């Protein structure tokens, strides 16, 4: 299992340049295709923007890690959304979306590797 700090570093690596990410929640899935964009990576922050929000949102590494530590429980239904809110993060929707995006990226890479092996 990768640490929350390791996940932060990996997401930042995978986000090189801007990336479009689906909002995601356990109860609603991908929110009907609604997305946000990761537009900037500074030392220690990820900046996101989306239609419908007045200004860019900055996600600090510390804030991300607080929520990411609860991610395994959230995705398996043992940690509630209110427990995520207790982290005092104003960006849980974006952080959850990024965590889910990372997992879909990893699954796609595994699928591509399996297909590559099958085609030999």
N, C-alpha and C. Protein backbone atom coordinates (compact mmCIF):
# COMPACT_ATOMS: atom_id res chain seq x y z
N UNK A 1 0.85 -1.19 0.00
CA UNK A 1 0.00 0.00 0.00
C UNK A 1 0.89 1.24 0.00
N UNK A 2 0.55 2.19 -0.81
CA UNK A 2 1.32 3.41 -0.94
C UNK A 2 0.90 4.41 0.14
N UNK A 3 1.86 5.11 0.70
CA UNK A 3 1.54 6.12 1.71
C UNK A 3 0.82 7.30 1.07
N UNK A 4 0.15 8.10 1.90
CA UNK A 4 -0.53 9.30 1.40
C UNK A 4 0.48 10.25 0.76
N UNK A 5 1.66 10.34 1.34
CA UNK A 5 2.71 11.19 0.77
C UNK A 5 3.14 10.68 -0.60
N UNK A 6 3.25 9.35 -0.72
CA UNK A 6 3.61 8.75 -2.01
C UNK A 6 2.54 8.98 -3.06
N UNK A 7 1.28 8.91 -2.65
CA UNK A 7 0.17 9.17 -3.57
C UNK A 7 0.20 10.62 -4.04
N UNK A 8 0.48 11.55 -3.13
CA UNK A 8 0.60 12.97 -3.49
C UNK A 8 1.67 13.13 -4.57
N UNK A 9 2.83 12.55 -4.36
CA UNK A 9 3.92 12.67 -5.33
C UNK A 9 3.53 12.04 -6.67
N UNK A 10 2.89 10.90 -6.62
CA UNK A 10 2.50 10.22 -7.86
C UNK A 10 1.46 11.03 -8.64
N UNK A 11 0.47 11.56 -7.95
CA UNK A 11 -0.55 12.36 -8.63
C UNK A 11 0.09 13.58 -9.27
N UNK A 12 0.98 14.24 -8.55
CA UNK A 12 1.65 15.41 -9.12
C UNK A 12 2.45 15.02 -10.36
N UNK A 13 3.08 13.86 -10.33
CA UNK A 13 3.83 13.38 -11.49
C UNK A 13 2.88 13.13 -12.67
N UNK A 14 1.77 12.46 -12.40
CA UNK A 14 0.82 12.13 -13.46
C UNK A 14 0.10 13.35 -14.01
N UNK A 15 0.04 14.45 -13.23
CA UNK A 15 -0.66 15.67 -13.65
C UNK A 15 0.23 16.63 -14.44
N UNK A 16 1.42 16.22 -14.80
CA UNK A 16 2.29 17.13 -15.56
C UNK A 16 1.45 17.81 -16.65
N UNK A 17 1.51 19.12 -16.69
CA UNK A 17 0.61 19.84 -17.58
C UNK A 17 -0.78 19.83 -16.97
N UNK A 18 -1.73 20.32 -17.70
CA UNK A 18 -3.11 20.36 -17.19
C UNK A 18 -3.80 19.03 -17.47
N UNK A 19 -4.67 18.63 -16.57
CA UNK A 19 -5.43 17.39 -16.75
C UNK A 19 -6.88 17.63 -16.35
N UNK A 20 -7.79 16.99 -17.06
CA UNK A 20 -9.20 17.05 -16.73
C UNK A 20 -9.54 15.84 -15.88
N UNK A 21 -10.23 16.10 -14.77
CA UNK A 21 -10.53 15.07 -13.78
C UNK A 21 -12.03 15.09 -13.51
N UNK A 22 -12.65 13.91 -13.43
CA UNK A 22 -14.07 13.83 -13.08
C UNK A 22 -14.25 14.00 -11.57
N UNK A 23 -15.28 14.76 -11.20
CA UNK A 23 -15.72 14.70 -9.81
C UNK A 23 -16.15 13.27 -9.56
N UNK A 24 -16.01 12.79 -8.36
CA UNK A 24 -16.42 11.42 -8.05
C UNK A 24 -16.82 11.35 -6.59
N UNK A 25 -17.84 10.55 -6.31
CA UNK A 25 -18.20 10.25 -4.93
C UNK A 25 -18.72 8.83 -4.88
N UNK A 26 -18.65 8.24 -3.71
CA UNK A 26 -19.10 6.85 -3.55
C UNK A 26 -20.57 6.71 -3.93
N UNK A 27 -21.39 7.65 -3.51
CA UNK A 27 -22.83 7.55 -3.76
C UNK A 27 -23.26 7.92 -5.17
N UNK A 28 -22.51 8.81 -5.83
CA UNK A 28 -22.95 9.32 -7.14
C UNK A 28 -22.05 8.95 -8.30
N UNK A 29 -20.97 8.27 -8.03
CA UNK A 29 -20.07 7.92 -9.13
C UNK A 29 -19.43 9.17 -9.72
N UNK A 30 -19.48 9.29 -11.04
CA UNK A 30 -18.76 10.39 -11.69
C UNK A 30 -19.56 11.68 -11.83
N UNK A 31 -20.65 11.83 -11.13
CA UNK A 31 -21.44 13.07 -11.11
C UNK A 31 -21.90 13.48 -12.51
N UNK A 32 -22.27 12.51 -13.32
CA UNK A 32 -22.81 12.83 -14.64
C UNK A 32 -21.79 13.44 -15.59
N UNK A 33 -20.54 13.15 -15.39
CA UNK A 33 -19.50 13.66 -16.29
C UNK A 33 -18.97 15.04 -15.94
N UNK A 34 -19.40 15.62 -14.82
CA UNK A 34 -18.88 16.93 -14.42
C UNK A 34 -17.38 16.81 -14.13
N UNK A 35 -16.64 17.80 -14.56
CA UNK A 35 -15.18 17.73 -14.42
C UNK A 35 -14.60 19.01 -13.84
N UNK A 36 -13.36 18.89 -13.40
CA UNK A 36 -12.55 20.06 -13.05
C UNK A 36 -11.18 19.85 -13.67
N UNK A 37 -10.39 20.91 -13.69
CA UNK A 37 -9.06 20.82 -14.30
C UNK A 37 -7.99 21.15 -13.28
N UNK A 38 -6.96 20.33 -13.28
CA UNK A 38 -5.75 20.63 -12.51
C UNK A 38 -4.91 21.50 -13.44
N UNK A 39 -4.70 22.76 -13.06
CA UNK A 39 -4.07 23.70 -13.99
C UNK A 39 -2.67 24.13 -13.60
N UNK A 40 -2.28 23.90 -12.36
CA UNK A 40 -0.96 24.35 -11.94
C UNK A 40 -0.46 23.49 -10.79
N UNK A 41 0.82 23.20 -10.85
CA UNK A 41 1.47 22.47 -9.77
C UNK A 41 2.61 23.33 -9.26
N UNK A 42 2.50 23.79 -8.03
CA UNK A 42 3.58 24.52 -7.38
C UNK A 42 4.22 23.57 -6.37
N UNK A 43 5.30 24.00 -5.81
CA UNK A 43 5.91 23.21 -4.74
C UNK A 43 4.92 23.16 -3.59
N UNK A 44 4.31 22.02 -3.38
CA UNK A 44 3.42 21.87 -2.24
C UNK A 44 1.96 22.16 -2.49
N UNK A 45 1.56 22.52 -3.72
CA UNK A 45 0.13 22.74 -4.00
C UNK A 45 -0.25 22.24 -5.39
N UNK A 46 -1.52 21.89 -5.52
CA UNK A 46 -2.15 21.62 -6.81
C UNK A 46 -3.28 22.63 -6.92
N UNK A 47 -3.34 23.34 -8.04
CA UNK A 47 -4.39 24.33 -8.26
C UNK A 47 -5.39 23.77 -9.25
N UNK A 48 -6.68 23.87 -8.90
CA UNK A 48 -7.74 23.36 -9.77
C UNK A 48 -8.72 24.47 -10.10
N UNK A 49 -9.41 24.29 -11.20
CA UNK A 49 -10.46 25.22 -11.61
C UNK A 49 -11.59 24.43 -12.27
N UNK A 50 -12.77 25.02 -12.26
CA UNK A 50 -13.93 24.37 -12.89
C UNK A 50 -14.96 25.42 -13.21
N UNK A 51 -15.83 25.10 -14.17
CA UNK A 51 -16.93 26.02 -14.42
C UNK A 51 -17.81 26.01 -13.18
N UNK A 52 -18.35 27.15 -12.85
CA UNK A 52 -19.22 27.24 -11.69
C UNK A 52 -18.51 27.61 -10.39
N UNK A 53 -17.19 27.68 -10.41
CA UNK A 53 -16.50 28.17 -9.20
C UNK A 53 -15.88 29.52 -9.55
N UNK A 54 -15.95 30.43 -8.61
CA UNK A 54 -15.56 31.81 -8.86
C UNK A 54 -14.06 31.98 -9.10
N UNK A 55 -13.25 31.22 -8.39
CA UNK A 55 -11.80 31.37 -8.56
C UNK A 55 -11.12 30.02 -8.40
N UNK A 56 -9.88 29.97 -8.82
CA UNK A 56 -9.11 28.73 -8.69
C UNK A 56 -9.03 28.33 -7.22
N UNK A 57 -8.93 27.02 -7.01
CA UNK A 57 -8.79 26.48 -5.65
C UNK A 57 -7.41 25.86 -5.52
N UNK A 58 -6.74 26.15 -4.43
CA UNK A 58 -5.42 25.61 -4.17
C UNK A 58 -5.52 24.52 -3.11
N UNK A 59 -4.97 23.36 -3.44
CA UNK A 59 -4.97 22.21 -2.53
C UNK A 59 -3.55 22.05 -2.02
N UNK A 60 -3.37 22.21 -0.72
CA UNK A 60 -2.03 22.04 -0.15
C UNK A 60 -1.73 20.55 0.04
N UNK A 61 -0.45 20.24 0.11
CA UNK A 61 -0.04 18.87 0.35
C UNK A 61 -0.59 18.37 1.68
N UNK A 62 -0.52 19.18 2.73
CA UNK A 62 -1.00 18.77 4.04
C UNK A 62 -2.50 18.46 4.01
N UNK A 63 -3.27 19.30 3.33
CA UNK A 63 -4.71 19.10 3.21
C UNK A 63 -5.00 17.80 2.42
N UNK A 64 -4.29 17.61 1.33
CA UNK A 64 -4.44 16.41 0.52
C UNK A 64 -4.17 15.16 1.35
N UNK A 65 -3.09 15.17 2.10
CA UNK A 65 -2.69 14.01 2.89
C UNK A 65 -3.74 13.68 3.96
N UNK A 66 -4.30 14.71 4.59
CA UNK A 66 -5.34 14.47 5.61
C UNK A 66 -6.52 13.70 5.01
N UNK A 67 -6.93 14.08 3.81
CA UNK A 67 -8.07 13.42 3.16
C UNK A 67 -7.64 12.07 2.59
N UNK A 68 -6.46 12.01 1.97
CA UNK A 68 -5.99 10.76 1.34
C UNK A 68 -5.86 9.63 2.35
N UNK A 69 -5.54 9.95 3.57
CA UNK A 69 -5.42 8.91 4.59
C UNK A 69 -6.77 8.23 4.86
N UNK A 70 -7.85 8.93 4.57
CA UNK A 70 -9.19 8.37 4.77
C UNK A 70 -9.75 7.73 3.51
N UNK A 71 -9.07 7.89 2.38
CA UNK A 71 -9.56 7.41 1.09
C UNK A 71 -9.91 5.92 1.08
N UNK A 72 -9.06 5.02 1.56
CA UNK A 72 -9.43 3.60 1.50
C UNK A 72 -10.76 3.31 2.19
N UNK A 73 -10.98 3.90 3.35
CA UNK A 73 -12.25 3.71 4.05
C UNK A 73 -13.42 4.34 3.33
N UNK A 74 -13.21 5.51 2.72
CA UNK A 74 -14.29 6.17 2.00
C UNK A 74 -14.73 5.33 0.81
N UNK A 75 -13.77 4.86 0.02
CA UNK A 75 -14.15 4.14 -1.20
C UNK A 75 -14.77 2.78 -0.90
N UNK A 76 -14.48 2.19 0.28
CA UNK A 76 -15.13 0.92 0.60
C UNK A 76 -16.37 1.10 1.48
N UNK A 77 -16.74 2.36 1.76
CA UNK A 77 -17.98 2.64 2.46
C UNK A 77 -17.91 2.64 3.97
N UNK A 78 -16.71 2.50 4.55
CA UNK A 78 -16.60 2.49 6.01
C UNK A 78 -16.30 3.87 6.60
N UNK A 79 -15.94 4.82 5.76
CA UNK A 79 -15.71 6.20 6.19
C UNK A 79 -16.73 7.09 5.50
N UNK A 80 -17.44 7.89 6.26
CA UNK A 80 -18.50 8.73 5.69
C UNK A 80 -17.95 10.04 5.13
N UNK A 81 -18.78 10.67 4.33
CA UNK A 81 -18.42 11.98 3.79
C UNK A 81 -18.24 12.99 4.92
N UNK A 82 -19.03 12.88 5.97
CA UNK A 82 -18.89 13.81 7.09
C UNK A 82 -17.55 13.61 7.81
N UNK A 83 -17.03 12.38 7.82
CA UNK A 83 -15.71 12.16 8.40
C UNK A 83 -14.63 12.83 7.54
N UNK A 84 -14.82 12.84 6.22
CA UNK A 84 -13.89 13.57 5.35
C UNK A 84 -13.96 15.06 5.64
N UNK A 85 -15.17 15.56 5.85
CA UNK A 85 -15.34 16.98 6.15
C UNK A 85 -14.66 17.36 7.46
N UNK A 86 -14.57 16.41 8.37
CA UNK A 86 -13.93 16.68 9.67
C UNK A 86 -12.43 16.97 9.53
N UNK A 87 -11.86 16.72 8.35
CA UNK A 87 -10.45 17.04 8.12
C UNK A 87 -10.24 18.55 7.99
N UNK A 88 -11.33 19.30 7.94
CA UNK A 88 -11.32 20.76 7.78
C UNK A 88 -10.88 21.20 6.39
N UNK A 89 -10.87 20.29 5.44
CA UNK A 89 -10.53 20.63 4.07
C UNK A 89 -11.72 21.29 3.39
N UNK A 90 -11.46 22.33 2.64
CA UNK A 90 -12.49 22.97 1.81
C UNK A 90 -12.48 22.37 0.40
N UNK A 91 -11.64 21.37 0.18
CA UNK A 91 -11.42 20.85 -1.17
C UNK A 91 -11.63 19.34 -1.28
N UNK A 92 -12.46 18.76 -0.42
CA UNK A 92 -12.60 17.30 -0.45
C UNK A 92 -13.12 16.80 -1.79
N UNK A 93 -14.01 17.53 -2.44
CA UNK A 93 -14.53 17.07 -3.73
C UNK A 93 -13.41 16.94 -4.76
N UNK A 94 -12.50 17.89 -4.75
CA UNK A 94 -11.38 17.85 -5.70
C UNK A 94 -10.38 16.75 -5.32
N UNK A 95 -10.12 16.61 -4.05
CA UNK A 95 -9.17 15.60 -3.60
C UNK A 95 -9.70 14.20 -3.89
N UNK A 96 -10.97 13.96 -3.60
CA UNK A 96 -11.57 12.66 -3.91
C UNK A 96 -11.51 12.40 -5.41
N UNK A 97 -11.82 13.41 -6.20
CA UNK A 97 -11.73 13.26 -7.65
C UNK A 97 -10.33 12.89 -8.09
N UNK A 98 -9.32 13.54 -7.52
CA UNK A 98 -7.93 13.24 -7.87
C UNK A 98 -7.54 11.83 -7.45
N UNK A 99 -7.97 11.41 -6.28
CA UNK A 99 -7.66 10.05 -5.82
C UNK A 99 -8.31 9.00 -6.72
N UNK A 100 -9.56 9.23 -7.08
CA UNK A 100 -10.24 8.30 -7.97
C UNK A 100 -9.59 8.32 -9.36
N UNK A 101 -9.23 9.49 -9.86
CA UNK A 101 -8.55 9.63 -11.15
C UNK A 101 -7.25 8.82 -11.17
N UNK A 102 -6.49 8.92 -10.08
CA UNK A 102 -5.23 8.15 -9.98
C UNK A 102 -5.52 6.66 -10.12
N UNK A 103 -6.54 6.18 -9.41
CA UNK A 103 -6.84 4.76 -9.47
C UNK A 103 -7.29 4.32 -10.86
N UNK A 104 -8.05 5.17 -11.55
CA UNK A 104 -8.45 4.81 -12.92
C UNK A 104 -7.25 4.83 -13.85
N UNK A 105 -6.30 5.74 -13.62
CA UNK A 105 -5.07 5.76 -14.41
C UNK A 105 -4.27 4.46 -14.20
N UNK A 106 -4.17 4.03 -12.95
CA UNK A 106 -3.45 2.80 -12.64
C UNK A 106 -4.12 1.59 -13.27
N UNK A 107 -5.45 1.54 -13.19
CA UNK A 107 -6.18 0.42 -13.79
C UNK A 107 -6.01 0.40 -15.30
N UNK A 108 -6.05 1.57 -15.93
CA UNK A 108 -5.86 1.64 -17.38
C UNK A 108 -4.48 1.15 -17.77
N UNK A 109 -3.47 1.50 -16.99
CA UNK A 109 -2.11 1.05 -17.27
C UNK A 109 -2.00 -0.47 -17.13
N UNK A 110 -2.65 -1.03 -16.09
CA UNK A 110 -2.65 -2.49 -15.91
C UNK A 110 -3.35 -3.18 -17.08
N UNK A 111 -4.48 -2.62 -17.51
CA UNK A 111 -5.21 -3.20 -18.63
C UNK A 111 -4.37 -3.15 -19.90
N UNK A 112 -3.70 -2.03 -20.14
CA UNK A 112 -2.86 -1.90 -21.33
C UNK A 112 -1.71 -2.91 -21.27
N UNK A 113 -1.14 -3.10 -20.11
CA UNK A 113 -0.04 -4.07 -19.97
C UNK A 113 -0.54 -5.48 -20.24
N UNK A 114 -1.72 -5.82 -19.71
CA UNK A 114 -2.28 -7.14 -19.96
C UNK A 114 -2.55 -7.36 -21.45
N UNK A 115 -3.11 -6.34 -22.10
CA UNK A 115 -3.39 -6.45 -23.53
C UNK A 115 -2.10 -6.59 -24.32
N UNK A 116 -1.08 -5.88 -23.92
CA UNK A 116 0.21 -5.97 -24.58
C UNK A 116 0.80 -7.35 -24.48
N UNK A 117 0.65 -7.97 -23.31
CA UNK A 117 1.16 -9.32 -23.10
C UNK A 117 0.35 -10.34 -23.90
N UNK A 118 -0.95 -10.11 -24.01
CA UNK A 118 -1.80 -11.04 -24.74
C UNK A 118 -1.54 -11.00 -26.25
N UNK A 119 -1.10 -9.85 -26.76
CA UNK A 119 -0.89 -9.69 -28.18
C UNK A 119 0.46 -10.22 -28.66
N UNK A 120 1.27 -10.75 -27.76
CA UNK A 120 2.60 -11.26 -28.16
C UNK A 120 2.50 -12.60 -28.80
